[in-house]
PDB file of N, CA and C in Angstrom:
ATOM      1  N   MET A   1       0.812  -1.102   0.081  1.00  0.00           N
ATOM      2  CA  MET A   1      -0.095   0.011   0.064  1.00  0.00           C
ATOM      3  C   MET A   1       0.886   1.208  -0.057  1.00  0.00           C
ATOM      4  N   GLY A   2       0.577   2.034  -0.909  1.00  0.00           N
ATOM      5  CA  GLY A   2       1.341   3.360  -0.831  1.00  0.00           C
ATOM      6  C   GLY A   2       0.921   4.466   0.041  1.00  0.00           C
ATOM      7  N   LEU A   3       1.802   5.415   0.559  1.00  0.00           N
ATOM      8  CA  LEU A   3       1.532   6.347   1.292  1.00  0.00           C
ATOM      9  C   LEU A   3       0.817   7.539   0.627  1.00  0.00           C
ATOM     10  N   ARG A   4      -0.032   8.235   1.189  1.00  0.00           N
ATOM     11  CA  ARG A   4      -0.892   9.293   0.704  1.00  0.00           C
ATOM     12  C   ARG A   4      -0.656  10.614   1.582  1.00  0.00           C
ATOM     13  N   VAL A   5      -0.568  11.673   0.942  1.00  0.00           N
ATOM     14  CA  VAL A   5      -0.558  12.924   1.564  1.00  0.00           C
ATOM     15  C   VAL A   5      -1.852  13.566   1.779  1.00  0.00           C
ATOM     16  N   ILE A   6      -1.936  14.162   2.885  1.00  0.00           N
ATOM     17  CA  ILE A   6      -3.165  14.746   3.439  1.00  0.00           C
ATOM     18  C   ILE A   6      -2.779  16.416   3.768  1.00  0.00           C
ATOM     19  N   SER A   7      -3.510  17.111   2.955  1.00  0.00           N
ATOM     20  CA  SER A   7      -3.445  18.614   3.288  1.00  0.00           C
ATOM     21  C   SER A   7      -4.270  18.983   4.642  1.00  0.00           C
ATOM     22  N   THR A   8      -3.568  19.465   5.466  1.00  0.00           N
ATOM     23  CA  THR A   8      -4.401  19.739   6.830  1.00  0.00           C
ATOM     24  C   THR A   8      -5.080  21.184   6.946  1.00  0.00           C
ATOM     25  N   LYS A   9      -4.675  22.110   5.959  1.00  0.00           N
ATOM     26  CA  LYS A   9      -5.222  23.278   6.007  1.00  0.00           C
ATOM     27  C   LYS A   9      -5.114  24.175   7.201  1.00  0.00           C
ATOM     28  N   LEU A  10      -4.102  23.824   8.128  1.00  0.00           N
ATOM     29  CA  LEU A  10      -3.828  24.567   9.353  1.00  0.00           C
ATOM     30  C   LEU A  10      -3.155  25.842   9.094  1.00  0.00           C
ATOM     31  N   THR A  11      -3.499  26.818   9.943  1.00  0.00           N
ATOM     32  CA  THR A  11      -3.007  27.997   9.857  1.00  0.00           C
ATOM     33  C   THR A  11      -1.580  27.776  10.640  1.00  0.00           C
ATOM     34  N   GLU A  12      -0.626  28.829  10.381  1.00  0.00           N
ATOM     35  CA  GLU A  12       0.656  28.556  10.924  1.00  0.00           C
ATOM     36  C   GLU A  12       0.696  28.575  12.565  1.00  0.00           C
ATOM     37  N   GLU A  13      -0.358  29.294  13.127  1.00  0.00           N
ATOM     38  CA  GLU A  13      -0.460  29.300  14.453  1.00  0.00           C
ATOM     39  C   GLU A  13      -0.899  27.866  14.810  1.00  0.00           C
ATOM     40  N   GLU A  14      -1.816  27.259  14.248  1.00  0.00           N
ATOM     41  CA  GLU A  14      -2.386  25.963  14.596  1.00  0.00           C
ATOM     42  C   GLU A  14      -1.281  24.907  14.380  1.00  0.00           C
ATOM     43  N   HIS A  15      -0.649  25.059  13.421  1.00  0.00           N
ATOM     44  CA  HIS A  15       0.561  24.081  13.063  1.00  0.00           C
ATOM     45  C   HIS A  15       1.514  24.242  13.954  1.00  0.00           C
ATOM     46  N   SER A  16       1.826  25.236  14.428  1.00  0.00           N
ATOM     47  CA  SER A  16       2.869  25.511  15.550  1.00  0.00           C
ATOM     48  C   SER A  16       2.457  24.926  16.900  1.00  0.00           C
ATOM     49  N   LYS A  17       1.154  25.038  17.298  1.00  0.00           N
ATOM     50  CA  LYS A  17       0.652  24.423  18.379  1.00  0.00           C
ATOM     51  C   LYS A  17       0.660  22.929  18.490  1.00  0.00           C
ATOM     52  N   ILE A  18       0.258  22.352  17.441  1.00  0.00           N
ATOM     53  CA  ILE A  18       0.280  20.892  17.290  1.00  0.00           C
ATOM     54  C   ILE A  18       1.771  20.396  17.434  1.00  0.00           C
ATOM     55  N   VAL A  19       2.718  21.097  16.531  1.00  0.00           N
ATOM     56  CA  VAL A  19       3.994  20.567  16.648  1.00  0.00           C
ATOM     57  C   VAL A  19       4.493  20.627  18.009  1.00  0.00           C
ATOM     58  N   ASP A  20       4.368  21.813  18.794  1.00  0.00           N
ATOM     59  CA  ASP A  20       4.911  21.982  20.187  1.00  0.00           C
ATOM     60  C   ASP A  20       4.255  20.992  20.954  1.00  0.00           C
ATOM     61  N   MET A  21       2.988  20.561  20.871  1.00  0.00           N
ATOM     62  CA  MET A  21       2.291  19.648  21.691  1.00  0.00           C
ATOM     63  C   MET A  21       2.999  18.319  21.472  1.00  0.00           C
ATOM     64  N   CYS A  22       3.239  17.928  20.251  1.00  0.00           N
ATOM     65  CA  CYS A  22       4.034  16.614  19.859  1.00  0.00           C
ATOM     66  C   CYS A  22       5.410  16.570  20.391  1.00  0.00           C
ATOM     67  N   LYS A  23       6.055  17.753  20.383  1.00  0.00           N
ATOM     68  CA  LYS A  23       7.373  17.761  21.044  1.00  0.00           C
ATOM     69  C   LYS A  23       7.417  17.599  22.394  1.00  0.00           C
ATOM     70  N   ASP A  24       6.437  18.283  23.040  1.00  0.00           N
ATOM     71  CA  ASP A  24       6.279  18.118  24.624  1.00  0.00           C
ATOM     72  C   ASP A  24       5.904  16.468  24.987  1.00  0.00           C
ATOM     73  N   SER A  25       5.081  16.011  24.077  1.00  0.00           N
ATOM     74  CA  SER A  25       4.818  14.518  24.330  1.00  0.00           C
ATOM     75  C   SER A  25       5.569  13.483  23.702  1.00  0.00           C
ATOM     76  N   HIS A  26       7.013  13.878  23.121  1.00  0.00           N
ATOM     77  CA  HIS A  26       7.875  12.974  22.519  1.00  0.00           C
ATOM     78  C   HIS A  26       7.111  12.206  21.421  1.00  0.00           C
ATOM     79  N   CYS A  27       6.301  12.812  20.706  1.00  0.00           N
ATOM     80  CA  CYS A  27       5.576  11.884  19.488  1.00  0.00           C
ATOM     81  C   CYS A  27       5.846  12.586  18.242  1.00  0.00           C
ATOM     82  N   ASN A  28       5.690  11.853  17.282  1.00  0.00           N
ATOM     83  CA  ASN A  28       6.056  12.135  15.884  1.00  0.00           C
ATOM     84  C   ASN A  28       4.598  12.723  15.330  1.00  0.00           C
ATOM     85  N   LEU A  29       4.678  13.946  14.663  1.00  0.00           N
ATOM     86  CA  LEU A  29       3.397  14.651  14.149  1.00  0.00           C
ATOM     87  C   LEU A  29       2.773  13.669  13.417  1.00  0.00           C
ATOM     88  N   SER A  30       3.373  13.084  12.426  1.00  0.00           N
ATOM     89  CA  SER A  30       2.659  12.378  11.396  1.00  0.00           C
ATOM     90  C   SER A  30       2.069  11.186  12.060  1.00  0.00           C
ATOM     91  N   THR A  31       2.611  10.526  12.913  1.00  0.00           N
ATOM     92  CA  THR A  31       2.065   9.344  13.750  1.00  0.00           C
ATOM     93  C   THR A  31       0.820   9.946  14.457  1.00  0.00           C
ATOM     94  N   PHE A  32       0.951  11.097  15.139  1.00  0.00           N
ATOM     95  CA  PHE A  32      -0.147  11.616  15.770  1.00  0.00           C
ATOM     96  C   PHE A  32      -1.258  11.973  15.088  1.00  0.00           C
ATOM     97  N   LEU A  33      -1.133  12.547  13.893  1.00  0.00           N
ATOM     98  CA  LEU A  33      -2.265  12.837  12.838  1.00  0.00           C
ATOM     99  C   LEU A  33      -2.846  11.638  12.450  1.00  0.00           C
ATOM    100  N   LYS A  34      -2.116  10.507  12.070  1.00  0.00           N
ATOM    101  CA  LYS A  34      -2.605   9.370  11.479  1.00  0.00           C
ATOM    102  C   LYS A  34      -3.522   8.660  12.649  1.00  0.00           C
ATOM    103  N   GLN A  35      -3.086   8.789  13.924  1.00  0.00           N
ATOM    104  CA  GLN A  35      -3.931   8.142  14.947  1.00  0.00           C
ATOM    105  C   GLN A  35      -5.208   8.796  15.030  1.00  0.00           C
ATOM    106  N   CYS A  36      -5.138  10.217  15.053  1.00  0.00           N
ATOM    107  CA  CYS A  36      -6.349  10.988  15.065  1.00  0.00           C
ATOM    108  C   CYS A  36      -7.237  10.737  14.038  1.00  0.00           C
ATOM    109  N   ILE A  37      -6.908  10.682  12.801  1.00  0.00           N
ATOM    110  CA  ILE A  37      -7.699  10.387  11.627  1.00  0.00           C
ATOM    111  C   ILE A  37      -8.232   9.034  11.822  1.00  0.00           C
ATOM    112  N   THR A  38      -7.554   7.947  12.035  1.00  0.00           N
ATOM    113  CA  THR A  38      -7.849   6.702  12.181  1.00  0.00           C
ATOM    114  C   THR A  38      -9.115   6.492  13.222  1.00  0.00           C
ATOM    115  N   GLU A  39      -8.871   7.252  14.503  1.00  0.00           N
ATOM    116  CA  GLU A  39      -9.738   7.144  15.602  1.00  0.00           C
ATOM    117  C   GLU A  39     -11.181   7.890  15.132  1.00  0.00           C
ATOM    118  N   LEU A  40     -11.180   8.943  14.280  1.00  0.00           N
ATOM    119  CA  LEU A  40     -12.382   9.553  13.680  1.00  0.00           C
ATOM    120  C   LEU A  40     -13.096   8.622  12.610  1.00  0.00           C
ATOM    121  N   ILE A  41     -12.397   7.983  11.979  1.00  0.00           N
ATOM    122  CA  ILE A  41     -12.850   7.020  11.007  1.00  0.00           C
ATOM    123  C   ILE A  41     -13.661   5.833  11.670  1.00  0.00           C
ATOM    124  N   ASP A  42     -12.989   5.384  12.651  1.00  0.00           N
ATOM    125  CA  ASP A  42     -13.573   4.262  13.439  1.00  0.00           C
ATOM    126  C   ASP A  42     -14.937   4.720  14.231  1.00  0.00           C
ATOM    127  N   LYS A  43     -14.749   5.991  14.696  1.00  0.00           N
ATOM    128  CA  LYS A  43     -16.011   6.477  15.396  1.00  0.00           C
ATOM    129  C   LYS A  43     -16.980   6.705  14.493  1.00  0.00           C
ATOM    130  N   GLU A  44     -16.819   7.349  13.234  1.00  0.00           N
ATOM    131  CA  GLU A  44     -17.777   7.392  12.370  1.00  0.00           C
ATOM    132  C   GLU A  44     -18.481   6.177  11.842  1.00  0.00           C
ATOM    133  N   GLN A  45     -17.628   5.152  11.653  1.00  0.00           N
ATOM    134  CA  GLN A  45     -18.039   3.956  11.084  1.00  0.00           C
ATOM    135  C   GLN A  45     -19.054   3.256  12.114  1.00  0.00           C
ATOM    136  N   ASN A  46     -18.620   3.379  13.362  1.00  0.00           N
ATOM    137  CA  ASN A  46     -19.486   2.911  14.523  1.00  0.00           C
ATOM    138  C   ASN A  46     -20.825   3.684  14.356  1.00  0.00           C
ATOM    139  N   LYS A  47     -21.051   4.813  14.195  1.00  0.00           N
ATOM    140  CA  LYS A  47     -22.121   5.531  14.070  1.00  0.00           C
ATOM    141  C   LYS A  47     -23.144   4.888  12.973  1.00  0.00           C
ATOM    142  N   ILE A  48     -22.479   4.590  11.869  1.00  0.00           N
ATOM    143  CA  ILE A  48     -23.255   4.108  10.701  1.00  0.00           C
ATOM    144  C   ILE A  48     -23.593   2.705  11.073  1.00  0.00           C
ATOM    145  N   GLU A  49     -22.824   1.888  11.644  1.00  0.00           N
ATOM    146  CA  GLU A  49     -23.225   0.546  11.888  1.00  0.00           C
ATOM    147  C   GLU A  49     -24.308   0.439  13.015  1.00  0.00           C
ATOM    148  N   LYS A  50     -24.079   1.316  13.914  1.00  0.00           N
ATOM    149  CA  LYS A  50     -25.184   1.433  15.211  1.00  0.00           C
ATOM    150  C   LYS A  50     -25.935   2.783  15.036  1.00  0.00           C
ATOM    151  N   PRO A  51     -26.964   2.872  14.354  1.00  0.00           N
ATOM    152  CA  PRO A  51     -27.582   4.226  14.321  1.00  0.00           C
ATOM    153  C   PRO A  51     -28.347   4.445  15.558  1.00  0.00           C
ATOM    154  N   VAL A  52     -28.156   5.563  16.119  1.00  0.00           N
ATOM    155  CA  VAL A  52     -28.826   6.303  17.293  1.00  0.00           C
ATOM    156  C   VAL A  52     -30.345   6.234  17.194  1.00  0.00           C
ATOM    157  N   GLU A  53     -31.001   5.626  18.036  1.00  0.00           N
ATOM    158  CA  GLU A  53     -32.504   5.666  18.013  1.00  0.00           C
ATOM    159  C   GLU A  53     -33.195   6.799  18.821  1.00  0.00           C
TER     160      GLU A  53
END
């Protein structure tokens, strides 16, 4: 599977905040964003599979 690039459309200030947060947590920005996106996808799939009544 090939890698895909995702444009985040973050402002410079937003980008700086997330980079600083990752540095403080000793994590990689790419890994952090991938985890966030994956969790959002899983959450949305669960909504579709289990509709709210």
